[in-house]
Amino acid sequence: MTGAALALVLEGVCYALLPGAMRRLAGRMAETPPERLRWAGLAGACIGVALVWLERR
């Protein structure tokens, strides 16, 4: 739960401080092929799981 809350805080700060950059990023993501987004999401999830595992060791 804490991790999800921290992710929301970081995303909120990005939108508050850099709204133009976040809009451009969202536009670029909309143009990115779904397969590439899927692999990027999977890679991010795997890295996140690995970091949590390493932290709890």
N, C-alpha and C. Protein backbone atom coordinates (compact mmCIF):
# COMPACT_ATOMS: atom_id res chain seq x y z
N MET A 1 0.82 -1.19 0.00
CA MET A 1 0.00 0.00 0.00
C MET A 1 0.87 1.26 0.00
N THR A 2 1.93 1.23 0.77
CA THR A 2 2.82 2.39 0.83
C THR A 2 3.46 2.67 -0.52
N GLY A 3 3.82 1.61 -1.22
CA GLY A 3 4.44 1.78 -2.54
C GLY A 3 3.49 2.43 -3.53
N ALA A 4 2.22 2.00 -3.52
CA ALA A 4 1.23 2.59 -4.42
C ALA A 4 1.01 4.06 -4.09
N ALA A 5 0.98 4.37 -2.80
CA ALA A 5 0.80 5.76 -2.39
C ALA A 5 1.98 6.61 -2.82
N LEU A 6 3.19 6.08 -2.69
CA LEU A 6 4.38 6.81 -3.11
C LEU A 6 4.37 7.03 -4.62
N ALA A 7 3.94 6.04 -5.38
CA ALA A 7 3.84 6.20 -6.83
C ALA A 7 2.86 7.32 -7.19
N LEU A 8 1.74 7.39 -6.49
CA LEU A 8 0.78 8.47 -6.74
C LEU A 8 1.36 9.83 -6.39
N VAL A 9 2.11 9.91 -5.31
CA VAL A 9 2.74 11.17 -4.93
C VAL A 9 3.71 11.62 -6.01
N LEU A 10 4.57 10.70 -6.46
CA LEU A 10 5.55 11.05 -7.49
C LEU A 10 4.88 11.48 -8.79
N GLU A 11 3.85 10.77 -9.19
CA GLU A 11 3.15 11.13 -10.42
C GLU A 11 2.46 12.48 -10.26
N GLY A 12 1.86 12.71 -9.12
CA GLY A 12 1.20 13.99 -8.88
C GLY A 12 2.18 15.15 -8.92
N VAL A 13 3.35 14.97 -8.34
CA VAL A 13 4.37 16.01 -8.36
C VAL A 13 4.81 16.29 -9.80
N CYS A 14 4.97 15.24 -10.59
CA CYS A 14 5.36 15.43 -12.00
C CYS A 14 4.32 16.25 -12.75
N TYR A 15 3.04 15.92 -12.56
CA TYR A 15 1.98 16.67 -13.23
C TYR A 15 1.90 18.10 -12.71
N ALA A 16 2.15 18.32 -11.43
CA ALA A 16 2.08 19.66 -10.86
C ALA A 16 3.23 20.54 -11.34
N LEU A 17 4.42 19.98 -11.41
CA LEU A 17 5.59 20.78 -11.76
C LEU A 17 5.86 20.85 -13.26
N LEU A 18 5.50 19.80 -14.00
CA LEU A 18 5.84 19.73 -15.43
C LEU A 18 4.62 19.32 -16.27
N PRO A 19 3.54 20.10 -16.24
CA PRO A 19 2.34 19.66 -16.96
C PRO A 19 2.54 19.55 -18.47
N GLY A 20 3.33 20.44 -19.05
CA GLY A 20 3.57 20.38 -20.49
C GLY A 20 4.35 19.13 -20.89
N ALA A 21 5.37 18.81 -20.12
CA ALA A 21 6.17 17.62 -20.41
C ALA A 21 5.34 16.36 -20.24
N MET A 22 4.49 16.33 -19.22
CA MET A 22 3.65 15.15 -19.00
C MET A 22 2.64 14.99 -20.14
N ARG A 23 2.11 16.10 -20.65
CA ARG A 23 1.18 16.05 -21.78
C ARG A 23 1.89 15.51 -23.02
N ARG A 24 3.12 15.98 -23.25
CA ARG A 24 3.88 15.48 -24.41
C ARG A 24 4.18 13.99 -24.25
N LEU A 25 4.54 13.58 -23.04
CA LEU A 25 4.81 12.17 -22.78
C LEU A 25 3.57 11.32 -23.05
N ALA A 26 2.41 11.79 -22.59
CA ALA A 26 1.17 11.05 -22.83
C ALA A 26 0.89 10.95 -24.32
N GLY A 27 1.16 12.02 -25.06
CA GLY A 27 0.96 12.00 -26.51
C GLY A 27 1.89 11.00 -27.19
N ARG A 28 3.12 10.96 -26.75
CA ARG A 28 4.08 10.00 -27.32
C ARG A 28 3.67 8.57 -27.00
N MET A 29 3.16 8.36 -25.78
CA MET A 29 2.71 7.02 -25.41
C MET A 29 1.53 6.59 -26.26
N ALA A 30 0.65 7.54 -26.59
CA ALA A 30 -0.51 7.22 -27.43
C ALA A 30 -0.08 6.78 -28.83
N GLU A 31 1.07 7.26 -29.27
CA GLU A 31 1.57 6.91 -30.60
C GLU A 31 2.44 5.64 -30.58
N THR A 32 2.82 5.18 -29.42
CA THR A 32 3.68 4.01 -29.29
C THR A 32 2.86 2.74 -29.54
N PRO A 33 3.39 1.81 -30.30
CA PRO A 33 2.67 0.56 -30.56
C PRO A 33 2.38 -0.20 -29.25
N PRO A 34 1.21 -0.81 -29.16
CA PRO A 34 0.81 -1.52 -27.94
C PRO A 34 1.82 -2.59 -27.50
N GLU A 35 2.42 -3.27 -28.45
CA GLU A 35 3.38 -4.33 -28.10
C GLU A 35 4.58 -3.75 -27.35
N ARG A 36 5.06 -2.60 -27.79
CA ARG A 36 6.20 -1.97 -27.12
C ARG A 36 5.81 -1.51 -25.71
N LEU A 37 4.60 -0.96 -25.56
CA LEU A 37 4.13 -0.56 -24.23
C LEU A 37 4.00 -1.78 -23.32
N ARG A 38 3.51 -2.88 -23.89
CA ARG A 38 3.35 -4.11 -23.10
C ARG A 38 4.69 -4.59 -22.57
N TRP A 39 5.71 -4.61 -23.43
CA TRP A 39 7.03 -5.07 -23.00
C TRP A 39 7.65 -4.11 -21.99
N ALA A 40 7.46 -2.81 -22.19
CA ALA A 40 7.99 -1.83 -21.24
C ALA A 40 7.31 -1.99 -19.87
N GLY A 41 6.00 -2.22 -19.87
CA GLY A 41 5.28 -2.45 -18.62
C GLY A 41 5.74 -3.71 -17.92
N LEU A 42 5.95 -4.76 -18.69
CA LEU A 42 6.42 -6.02 -18.11
C LEU A 42 7.82 -5.85 -17.53
N ALA A 43 8.69 -5.14 -18.24
CA ALA A 43 10.05 -4.90 -17.74
C ALA A 43 10.00 -4.08 -16.45
N GLY A 44 9.17 -3.04 -16.42
CA GLY A 44 9.05 -2.23 -15.22
C GLY A 44 8.53 -3.03 -14.04
N ALA A 45 7.54 -3.88 -14.29
CA ALA A 45 6.99 -4.72 -13.22
C ALA A 45 8.06 -5.68 -12.69
N CYS A 46 8.83 -6.27 -13.57
CA CYS A 46 9.88 -7.21 -13.14
C CYS A 46 10.96 -6.49 -12.33
N ILE A 47 11.33 -5.30 -12.76
CA ILE A 47 12.32 -4.53 -12.02
C ILE A 47 11.77 -4.16 -10.64
N GLY A 48 10.51 -3.77 -10.58
CA GLY A 48 9.89 -3.44 -9.31
C GLY A 48 9.85 -4.62 -8.36
N VAL A 49 9.48 -5.79 -8.87
CA VAL A 49 9.45 -6.99 -8.03
C VAL A 49 10.85 -7.32 -7.54
N ALA A 50 11.83 -7.20 -8.40
CA ALA A 50 13.21 -7.48 -8.00
C ALA A 50 13.67 -6.52 -6.91
N LEU A 51 13.34 -5.24 -7.04
CA LEU A 51 13.74 -4.27 -6.02
C LEU A 51 13.08 -4.55 -4.68
N VAL A 52 11.81 -4.89 -4.70
CA VAL A 52 11.12 -5.22 -3.45
C VAL A 52 11.74 -6.48 -2.83
N TRP A 53 12.03 -7.47 -3.66
CA TRP A 53 12.64 -8.70 -3.16
C TRP A 53 14.01 -8.41 -2.53
N LEU A 54 14.82 -7.58 -3.21
CA LEU A 54 16.13 -7.24 -2.67
C LEU A 54 16.02 -6.45 -1.36
N GLU A 55 15.04 -5.57 -1.29
CA GLU A 55 14.87 -4.77 -0.08
C GLU A 55 14.46 -5.64 1.12
N ARG A 56 13.65 -6.64 0.88
CA ARG A 56 13.13 -7.47 1.96
C ARG A 56 14.08 -8.59 2.37
N ARG A 57 15.14 -8.81 1.61
CA ARG A 57 16.13 -9.85 1.93
C ARG A 57 16.92 -9.52 3.14
